[in-house]
N, C-alpha and C. Protein backbone atom coordinates (compact mmCIF):
# COMPACT_ATOMS: atom_id res chain seq x y z
N MET A 1 -48.55 -41.03 7.36
CA MET A 1 -48.36 -42.30 7.63
C MET A 1 -47.26 -42.80 8.68
N ALA A 2 -46.84 -42.90 9.30
CA ALA A 2 -45.06 -43.39 10.36
C ALA A 2 -44.84 -43.60 9.70
N ILE A 3 -42.87 -43.21 10.05
CA ILE A 3 -42.16 -43.41 9.99
C ILE A 3 -42.11 -44.85 10.84
N THR A 4 -41.13 -45.72 10.33
CA THR A 4 -40.40 -46.95 10.91
C THR A 4 -39.20 -47.18 10.84
N PRO A 5 -38.09 -47.12 12.28
CA PRO A 5 -37.32 -47.35 11.61
C PRO A 5 -36.07 -48.48 10.65
N PRO A 6 -35.66 -48.36 10.61
CA PRO A 6 -35.27 -49.65 9.24
C PRO A 6 -35.47 -51.73 9.93
N THR A 7 -35.23 -52.42 9.51
CA THR A 7 -34.95 -53.47 10.12
C THR A 7 -34.21 -53.66 9.70
N PRO A 8 -32.59 -54.78 10.06
CA PRO A 8 -31.58 -54.89 9.96
C PRO A 8 -32.07 -55.79 9.39
N ARG A 9 -31.67 -55.88 8.15
CA ARG A 9 -30.96 -57.51 7.66
C ARG A 9 -30.20 -58.40 7.59
N LEU A 10 -29.21 -58.08 8.85
CA LEU A 10 -28.21 -58.95 9.62
C LEU A 10 -27.67 -57.62 9.71
N GLU A 11 -26.73 -58.40 11.04
CA GLU A 11 -26.00 -56.91 11.80
C GLU A 11 -24.58 -57.55 12.65
N ARG A 12 -24.36 -56.66 12.99
CA ARG A 12 -22.66 -56.39 12.72
C ARG A 12 -21.76 -58.13 13.13
N ALA A 13 -22.46 -58.67 13.89
CA ALA A 13 -21.58 -59.81 14.75
C ALA A 13 -22.04 -60.65 13.92
N ALA A 14 -23.25 -60.96 12.94
CA ALA A 14 -23.54 -61.61 12.43
C ALA A 14 -22.43 -61.68 11.26
N PHE A 15 -22.57 -60.11 10.35
CA PHE A 15 -21.64 -59.97 9.43
C PHE A 15 -20.28 -60.81 9.30
N ALA A 16 -19.47 -60.41 10.37
CA ALA A 16 -18.42 -61.54 11.52
C ALA A 16 -18.18 -62.76 11.46
N GLN A 17 -19.00 -63.16 11.51
CA GLN A 17 -19.56 -64.65 11.72
C GLN A 17 -19.05 -65.57 10.05
N LEU A 18 -19.77 -65.06 9.52
CA LEU A 18 -20.86 -65.61 8.47
C LEU A 18 -19.28 -65.11 7.20
N ALA A 19 -19.18 -63.67 7.36
CA ALA A 19 -18.13 -63.26 6.07
C ALA A 19 -16.31 -63.66 6.71
N PRO A 20 -16.03 -63.95 7.94
CA PRO A 20 -14.93 -64.47 8.74
C PRO A 20 -13.66 -63.24 7.82
N ASP A 21 -12.71 -63.84 7.23
CA ASP A 21 -12.29 -63.12 6.10
C ASP A 21 -12.42 -62.48 5.33
N ALA A 22 -13.20 -62.00 5.27
CA ALA A 22 -13.57 -60.90 4.87
C ALA A 22 -13.90 -59.36 6.50
N ASN A 23 -14.46 -59.64 7.52
CA ASN A 23 -14.33 -59.43 8.43
C ASN A 23 -12.87 -58.82 8.53
N ALA A 24 -12.17 -60.00 8.49
CA ALA A 24 -10.84 -59.45 9.62
C ALA A 24 -9.66 -58.84 8.35
N ALA A 25 -9.94 -58.61 7.01
CA ALA A 25 -9.12 -58.11 6.41
C ALA A 25 -9.75 -56.47 6.44
N LEU A 26 -11.31 -56.29 7.19
CA LEU A 26 -11.59 -55.07 6.89
C LEU A 26 -10.14 -54.62 8.37
N ILE A 27 -10.81 -55.13 9.26
CA ILE A 27 -10.00 -54.82 10.29
C ILE A 27 -8.56 -54.56 10.32
N ALA A 28 -7.60 -56.08 9.37
CA ALA A 28 -6.11 -55.82 9.27
C ALA A 28 -6.66 -54.17 8.88
N LEU A 29 -6.91 -54.24 7.84
CA LEU A 29 -6.41 -52.51 7.07
C LEU A 29 -6.69 -51.67 8.27
N SER A 30 -7.91 -51.46 9.50
CA SER A 30 -8.31 -50.49 9.34
C SER A 30 -6.75 -50.96 10.98
N LYS A 31 -6.49 -51.74 11.43
CA LYS A 31 -5.49 -51.79 12.43
C LYS A 31 -3.80 -51.43 11.19
N ALA A 32 -3.48 -51.38 10.15
CA ALA A 32 -2.26 -50.96 10.31
C ALA A 32 -2.74 -49.53 9.28
N ILE A 33 -4.44 -48.03 9.29
CA ILE A 33 -3.62 -46.70 9.10
C ILE A 33 -4.33 -46.86 10.54
N ASP A 34 -4.19 -47.17 11.26
CA ASP A 34 -4.40 -46.82 13.32
C ASP A 34 -2.54 -46.73 13.56
N ALA A 35 -2.02 -47.79 13.53
CA ALA A 35 -0.18 -48.12 12.70
C ALA A 35 0.27 -46.58 11.91
N SER A 36 -0.25 -46.33 11.21
CA SER A 36 0.66 -45.69 10.17
C SER A 36 1.60 -44.09 10.89
N GLY A 37 0.50 -43.56 12.25
CA GLY A 37 1.62 -41.73 12.42
C GLY A 37 -0.05 -41.55 12.29
N LEU A 38 -0.82 -41.41 11.10
CA LEU A 38 -1.81 -41.44 11.55
C LEU A 38 -3.00 -40.15 12.80
N GLU A 39 -3.01 -38.92 12.53
CA GLU A 39 -3.59 -38.71 14.26
C GLU A 39 -5.03 -39.23 13.90
N LYS A 40 -4.89 -41.00 15.54
CA LYS A 40 -6.43 -40.91 15.73
C LYS A 40 -7.42 -40.10 15.39
N THR A 41 -7.40 -38.09 16.10
CA THR A 41 -8.52 -38.22 15.71
C THR A 41 -8.39 -37.38 14.39
N LEU A 42 -7.50 -37.13 13.71
CA LEU A 42 -7.45 -37.47 12.12
C LEU A 42 -8.86 -37.99 11.77
N THR A 43 -8.44 -40.03 11.90
CA THR A 43 -9.38 -40.32 11.03
C THR A 43 -10.06 -40.75 10.84
N GLU A 44 -10.91 -39.99 11.79
CA GLU A 44 -12.23 -40.28 13.17
C GLU A 44 -12.62 -39.45 12.64
N LEU A 45 -12.18 -37.90 12.44
CA LEU A 45 -13.25 -36.75 11.90
C LEU A 45 -13.32 -37.42 9.60
N VAL A 46 -12.75 -38.47 8.89
CA VAL A 46 -12.33 -38.28 8.37
C VAL A 46 -13.03 -39.50 7.78
N LYS A 47 -13.99 -40.85 9.07
CA LYS A 47 -14.39 -41.63 8.87
C LYS A 47 -15.52 -40.98 8.49
N LEU A 48 -16.00 -40.44 9.88
CA LEU A 48 -17.00 -39.67 10.23
C LEU A 48 -17.82 -39.24 9.00
N ARG A 49 -17.30 -37.56 8.62
CA ARG A 49 -18.19 -37.04 7.05
C ARG A 49 -17.32 -38.46 6.22
N ALA A 50 -17.40 -39.16 5.64
CA ALA A 50 -17.95 -40.60 4.84
C ALA A 50 -19.36 -40.13 5.24
N SER A 51 -18.63 -41.09 6.45
CA SER A 51 -20.23 -41.82 6.50
C SER A 51 -21.46 -40.95 7.29
N GLN A 52 -21.27 -39.89 6.84
CA GLN A 52 -22.40 -38.22 6.55
C GLN A 52 -22.76 -38.51 5.42
N ILE A 53 -22.26 -38.56 4.90
CA ILE A 53 -21.63 -38.48 2.90
C ILE A 53 -22.45 -39.65 2.84
N ASN A 54 -22.75 -40.46 3.37
CA ASN A 54 -23.11 -42.32 3.11
C ASN A 54 -24.23 -41.83 3.47
N GLY A 55 -24.74 -41.40 4.75
CA GLY A 55 -25.50 -41.88 5.61
C GLY A 55 -25.64 -43.16 6.11
N CYS A 56 -24.58 -43.81 6.57
CA CYS A 56 -24.45 -44.44 7.40
C CYS A 56 -24.76 -43.89 8.94
N ALA A 57 -26.00 -44.90 9.83
CA ALA A 57 -25.98 -44.35 10.71
C ALA A 57 -25.24 -45.50 10.94
N PHE A 58 -25.33 -46.34 11.61
CA PHE A 58 -24.07 -46.99 11.88
C PHE A 58 -22.46 -46.88 12.12
N CYS A 59 -22.19 -46.41 11.12
CA CYS A 59 -20.59 -45.94 11.43
C CYS A 59 -21.25 -44.76 11.98
N LEU A 60 -21.31 -44.14 11.96
CA LEU A 60 -21.64 -42.42 11.83
C LEU A 60 -21.73 -42.77 14.45
N GLN A 61 -22.91 -43.10 14.65
CA GLN A 61 -22.70 -43.92 15.77
C GLN A 61 -21.10 -44.40 16.29
N PHE A 62 -21.36 -45.27 15.84
CA PHE A 62 -19.31 -45.36 15.88
C PHE A 62 -18.40 -44.93 16.04
N HIS A 63 -18.36 -44.33 14.74
CA HIS A 63 -17.01 -43.76 15.17
C HIS A 63 -17.43 -42.39 15.58
N LEU A 64 -18.24 -41.07 16.23
CA LEU A 64 -18.84 -41.22 17.05
C LEU A 64 -17.92 -40.76 18.36
N ASN A 65 -19.18 -41.96 18.81
CA ASN A 65 -18.90 -43.34 19.90
C ASN A 65 -16.66 -43.33 19.99
N VAL A 66 -15.74 -43.08 19.09
CA VAL A 66 -14.51 -43.78 18.99
C VAL A 66 -14.04 -42.08 19.78
N ALA A 67 -13.81 -41.06 18.14
CA ALA A 67 -14.00 -40.18 17.86
C ALA A 67 -14.19 -39.03 19.47
N ARG A 68 -14.95 -38.77 20.07
CA ARG A 68 -15.08 -39.03 21.35
C ARG A 68 -14.06 -39.28 22.13
N GLY A 69 -13.60 -40.44 22.49
CA GLY A 69 -13.00 -41.41 22.96
C GLY A 69 -11.42 -40.45 22.81
N ALA A 70 -11.88 -40.41 21.59
CA ALA A 70 -10.18 -39.85 21.00
C ALA A 70 -9.54 -38.77 21.29
N GLY A 71 -10.52 -37.82 21.50
CA GLY A 71 -10.75 -36.62 21.71
C GLY A 71 -10.51 -35.05 20.95
N VAL A 72 -11.16 -36.15 19.41
CA VAL A 72 -12.15 -34.85 18.94
C VAL A 72 -12.44 -33.65 19.34
N GLY A 73 -13.20 -33.04 19.35
CA GLY A 73 -13.76 -31.83 20.15
C GLY A 73 -14.88 -31.39 20.34
N LEU A 74 -16.23 -31.13 19.76
CA LEU A 74 -17.53 -31.56 20.67
C LEU A 74 -18.11 -30.06 19.24
N ALA A 75 -16.74 -28.77 19.22
CA ALA A 75 -16.55 -27.70 18.01
C ALA A 75 -17.14 -29.28 17.09
N GLN A 76 -15.65 -29.52 17.02
CA GLN A 76 -15.57 -30.19 15.01
C GLN A 76 -16.13 -31.67 14.93
N GLN A 77 -17.00 -32.09 15.98
CA GLN A 77 -18.09 -33.61 15.77
C GLN A 77 -19.50 -33.02 15.29
N ASP A 78 -18.92 -31.16 16.42
CA ASP A 78 -21.00 -30.53 15.98
C ASP A 78 -20.79 -30.07 14.61
N GLN A 79 -19.40 -29.18 13.99
CA GLN A 79 -19.83 -28.69 12.84
C GLN A 79 -19.21 -29.21 11.09
N LEU A 80 -18.65 -30.14 12.01
CA LEU A 80 -18.16 -31.43 10.44
C LEU A 80 -18.98 -31.44 9.56
N ALA A 81 -20.31 -30.55 9.75
CA ALA A 81 -21.52 -31.09 8.33
C ALA A 81 -21.22 -30.01 7.75
N ALA A 82 -20.66 -28.76 8.12
CA ALA A 82 -20.30 -27.58 7.23
C ALA A 82 -18.43 -27.58 7.59
N TRP A 83 -17.71 -28.26 7.35
CA TRP A 83 -16.11 -28.04 8.02
C TRP A 83 -16.12 -27.15 6.56
N GLN A 84 -16.10 -26.82 5.35
CA GLN A 84 -15.90 -26.22 4.67
C GLN A 84 -15.84 -24.41 5.09
N ASP A 85 -16.94 -23.72 6.56
CA ASP A 85 -17.41 -22.64 6.88
C ASP A 85 -17.36 -22.94 7.51
N SER A 86 -15.57 -24.02 8.42
CA SER A 86 -15.75 -23.30 9.94
C SER A 86 -14.21 -23.38 10.40
N SER A 87 -14.41 -22.68 11.05
CA SER A 87 -12.69 -21.96 11.71
C SER A 87 -11.84 -23.24 12.60
N VAL A 88 -12.78 -24.43 13.16
CA VAL A 88 -11.98 -25.64 13.92
C VAL A 88 -10.96 -25.91 13.39
N PHE A 89 -11.16 -26.52 12.29
CA PHE A 89 -10.45 -27.59 12.03
C PHE A 89 -8.99 -26.63 11.40
N THR A 90 -8.06 -27.43 11.62
CA THR A 90 -6.43 -26.96 10.68
C THR A 90 -6.33 -27.16 9.44
N ALA A 91 -5.55 -26.74 9.06
CA ALA A 91 -5.72 -26.70 7.63
C ALA A 91 -4.82 -28.46 7.22
N ARG A 92 -4.33 -29.40 7.99
CA ARG A 92 -4.41 -30.44 7.74
C ARG A 92 -5.61 -31.65 7.65
N GLU A 93 -6.63 -30.90 9.19
CA GLU A 93 -8.34 -31.56 8.85
C GLU A 93 -8.56 -30.89 7.27
N ARG A 94 -8.63 -30.61 7.44
CA ARG A 94 -9.25 -29.71 6.68
C ARG A 94 -8.79 -30.41 4.51
N ALA A 95 -7.59 -30.17 4.56
CA ALA A 95 -6.65 -31.31 3.08
C ALA A 95 -7.25 -32.92 3.51
N ALA A 96 -7.48 -32.84 4.58
CA ALA A 96 -7.51 -34.09 4.81
C ALA A 96 -9.32 -34.26 4.36
N LEU A 97 -10.85 -33.66 4.98
CA LEU A 97 -11.12 -34.03 4.49
C LEU A 97 -11.79 -33.75 3.49
N ALA A 98 -11.42 -32.06 2.39
CA ALA A 98 -10.97 -32.44 1.50
C ALA A 98 -11.33 -32.92 0.65
N TRP A 99 -10.18 -34.04 1.06
CA TRP A 99 -9.83 -35.19 0.14
C TRP A 99 -10.98 -36.55 0.71
N THR A 100 -11.91 -36.92 1.36
CA THR A 100 -12.34 -37.37 1.93
C THR A 100 -13.31 -37.78 1.10
N GLU A 101 -13.93 -36.42 0.41
CA GLU A 101 -15.69 -35.95 -0.17
C GLU A 101 -15.01 -35.92 -1.50
N ALA A 102 -14.02 -35.15 -2.28
CA ALA A 102 -13.49 -36.41 -3.21
C ALA A 102 -13.63 -37.67 -3.54
N LEU A 103 -13.01 -38.82 -2.54
CA LEU A 103 -13.36 -40.16 -2.93
C LEU A 103 -14.31 -40.15 -3.02
N THR A 104 -15.06 -39.98 -2.14
CA THR A 104 -16.70 -40.76 -1.69
C THR A 104 -17.10 -40.51 -2.54
N ARG A 105 -18.15 -39.16 -2.90
CA ARG A 105 -18.59 -38.71 -4.14
C ARG A 105 -18.61 -39.11 -4.68
N LYS A 106 -19.70 -39.24 -5.84
CA LYS A 106 -18.80 -40.07 -7.73
C LYS A 106 -18.77 -38.83 -8.00
N ASP A 107 -19.79 -37.59 -8.14
CA ASP A 107 -20.20 -36.79 -9.29
C ASP A 107 -18.50 -35.63 -8.82
N GLN A 108 -18.01 -36.28 -8.25
CA GLN A 108 -15.76 -35.78 -7.38
C GLN A 108 -15.23 -36.23 -8.83
N GLY A 109 -13.81 -35.82 -8.27
CA GLY A 109 -13.41 -36.05 -8.30
C GLY A 109 -12.19 -36.25 -8.06
N ALA A 110 -10.90 -36.58 -7.65
CA ALA A 110 -9.37 -36.49 -7.48
C ALA A 110 -8.98 -35.50 -8.50
N GLU A 111 -9.02 -34.19 -8.20
CA GLU A 111 -8.28 -32.72 -9.74
C GLU A 111 -7.07 -33.24 -9.03
N ASP A 112 -5.75 -33.06 -10.01
CA ASP A 112 -4.79 -32.47 -9.29
C ASP A 112 -4.29 -31.11 -8.46
N ALA A 113 -4.88 -30.65 -8.33
CA ALA A 113 -5.32 -29.31 -7.63
C ALA A 113 -5.32 -29.55 -6.15
N LEU A 114 -6.56 -30.41 -6.10
CA LEU A 114 -7.03 -31.52 -4.76
C LEU A 114 -5.72 -31.72 -4.71
N TYR A 115 -5.27 -32.97 -5.32
CA TYR A 115 -4.02 -33.39 -4.88
C TYR A 115 -2.57 -33.03 -4.26
N ALA A 116 -2.05 -31.62 -4.93
CA ALA A 116 -1.18 -30.92 -4.75
C ALA A 116 -1.13 -30.05 -2.90
N GLN A 117 -3.10 -29.87 -2.58
CA GLN A 117 -3.14 -29.55 -1.65
C GLN A 117 -3.45 -30.60 -0.43
N VAL A 118 -3.38 -31.73 -0.93
CA VAL A 118 -2.85 -32.85 0.12
C VAL A 118 -2.02 -32.96 0.89
N ARG A 119 -0.88 -32.55 -0.80
CA ARG A 119 0.24 -33.37 -0.45
C ARG A 119 1.07 -31.86 0.78
N GLU A 120 0.76 -31.00 0.47
CA GLU A 120 1.21 -30.47 1.19
C GLU A 120 1.76 -30.18 2.82
N GLN A 121 0.42 -30.83 3.11
CA GLN A 121 -0.22 -31.43 4.96
C GLN A 121 0.18 -33.06 4.93
N PHE A 122 0.52 -33.30 3.89
CA PHE A 122 0.49 -35.17 4.33
C PHE A 122 2.30 -35.40 3.17
N SER A 123 2.64 -36.40 3.90
CA SER A 123 2.95 -37.04 3.35
C SER A 123 2.68 -38.07 1.80
N GLU A 124 3.48 -38.46 1.24
CA GLU A 124 3.50 -39.19 -0.25
C GLU A 124 2.92 -40.60 1.24
N SER A 125 3.25 -41.04 1.65
CA SER A 125 3.39 -42.07 3.12
C SER A 125 1.83 -41.89 3.44
N GLU A 126 1.78 -40.79 3.43
CA GLU A 126 0.52 -40.61 4.89
C GLU A 126 -0.46 -40.28 3.80
N VAL A 127 -0.87 -39.40 2.46
CA VAL A 127 -1.12 -39.51 1.56
C VAL A 127 -2.24 -41.67 0.97
N ALA A 128 -0.68 -41.94 0.78
CA ALA A 128 -1.74 -43.58 0.55
C ALA A 128 -2.33 -44.18 1.43
N PHE A 129 -1.57 -43.28 3.27
CA PHE A 129 -2.82 -44.33 4.44
C PHE A 129 -4.10 -43.61 4.43
N LEU A 130 -4.01 -42.19 4.66
CA LEU A 130 -5.33 -41.66 4.45
C LEU A 130 -6.41 -41.56 3.35
N THR A 131 -5.74 -42.45 1.43
CA THR A 131 -6.35 -42.80 1.09
C THR A 131 -6.78 -44.44 1.42
N ALA A 132 -6.04 -45.09 1.99
CA ALA A 132 -7.11 -45.64 2.73
C ALA A 132 -8.04 -46.20 3.68
N ALA A 133 -7.81 -45.00 4.20
CA ALA A 133 -8.55 -45.08 5.58
C ALA A 133 -9.94 -44.54 4.66
N VAL A 134 -9.73 -43.25 4.07
CA VAL A 134 -11.33 -42.96 2.98
C VAL A 134 -11.23 -44.71 1.96
N GLY A 135 -10.77 -45.63 1.76
CA GLY A 135 -11.68 -46.91 1.23
C GLY A 135 -12.35 -47.40 1.70
N LEU A 136 -12.14 -47.20 3.15
CA LEU A 136 -11.78 -47.76 3.99
C LEU A 136 -13.22 -47.78 4.82
N ILE A 137 -13.02 -46.91 4.81
CA ILE A 137 -14.65 -46.48 5.93
C ILE A 137 -15.54 -46.65 4.21
N ASN A 138 -15.82 -46.03 4.00
CA ASN A 138 -16.61 -46.16 2.53
C ASN A 138 -17.56 -47.51 2.12
N ALA A 139 -16.12 -48.33 2.38
CA ALA A 139 -16.50 -50.05 1.93
C ALA A 139 -17.26 -50.73 3.61
N TRP A 140 -16.86 -50.32 5.26
CA TRP A 140 -18.29 -50.49 5.73
C TRP A 140 -18.77 -49.62 5.76
N ASN A 141 -19.18 -48.68 5.20
CA ASN A 141 -20.48 -47.44 4.74
C ASN A 141 -21.59 -48.21 3.78
N ARG A 142 -21.48 -49.36 3.11
CA ARG A 142 -21.90 -50.03 2.16
C ARG A 142 -22.18 -51.68 2.51
N ILE A 143 -21.18 -51.81 3.26
CA ILE A 143 -21.41 -52.12 3.72
C ILE A 143 -22.86 -52.17 5.35
N ALA A 144 -22.69 -51.89 5.75
CA ALA A 144 -23.55 -51.30 7.07
C ALA A 144 -24.55 -50.88 6.38
N VAL A 145 -25.05 -50.05 5.03
CA VAL A 145 -26.12 -49.83 4.77
C VAL A 145 -27.49 -50.68 4.66
N GLY A 146 -25.74 -51.27 3.80
CA GLY A 146 -26.45 -52.37 3.10
C GLY A 146 -26.98 -54.30 3.64
N LEU A 147 -26.99 -54.05 4.72
CA LEU A 147 -27.58 -55.27 5.46
C LEU A 147 -28.06 -53.76 6.99
N LYS A 148 -28.17 -52.76 6.69
CA LYS A 148 -28.17 -52.10 8.28
C LYS A 148 -28.21 -51.94 8.92
N PHE A 149 -27.15 -52.55 9.31
CA PHE A 149 -26.37 -52.94 10.70
C PHE A 149 -27.60 -52.32 11.59
N THR A 150 -27.17 -52.21 12.83
CA THR A 150 -28.68 -51.62 13.82
C THR A 150 -27.20 -50.44 14.71
N PRO A 151 -27.16 -49.38 14.70
CA PRO A 151 -26.37 -48.45 15.29
C PRO A 151 -25.63 -48.46 16.73
N PRO A 152 -24.36 -48.52 16.67
CA PRO A 152 -24.71 -49.52 18.88
C PRO A 152 -24.92 -47.51 19.41
N GLY A 153 -24.96 -48.50 20.83
CA GLY A 153 -26.09 -47.26 21.86
C GLY A 153 -24.01 -45.77 21.63
N ALA A 154 -24.67 -44.67 22.10
CA ALA A 154 -23.68 -43.47 21.98
C ALA A 154 -23.15 -43.52 23.65
N GLN A 155 -21.93 -43.12 23.46
CA GLN A 155 -21.65 -43.29 24.62
C GLN A 155 -20.38 -41.19 24.58
């Protein structure tokens, strides 16, 4: 049996054209997160990790391209799937990745102890925007997986 790549149901540009208000809302949230003061490298790690968990090829490639341009190191890119066993992530990044996993995986919860660890690294406002970033990438993952967006080229 030959393994063939998925056939797109709808491409990214078509989604934007067919659902312009939804697309604009997602982009507006992205801009708010970018303007929040959270480090771009950190938010890209969050987006990549959620996309790994959700199996979203489009978002993985898209955010790998962005992460490379934002200065996310190669070691972090290579070791992200095993971040818990890696020493290349800061305490702040580790807290953000743990929060990302808790909010992305259905079988885990955002326990009070984890929230306390996140609050040790992030202000209350930063936690709000970090949580919004996780929610946003999960929304994009579900859209891109559901519609089978073709991943962009690697950069």
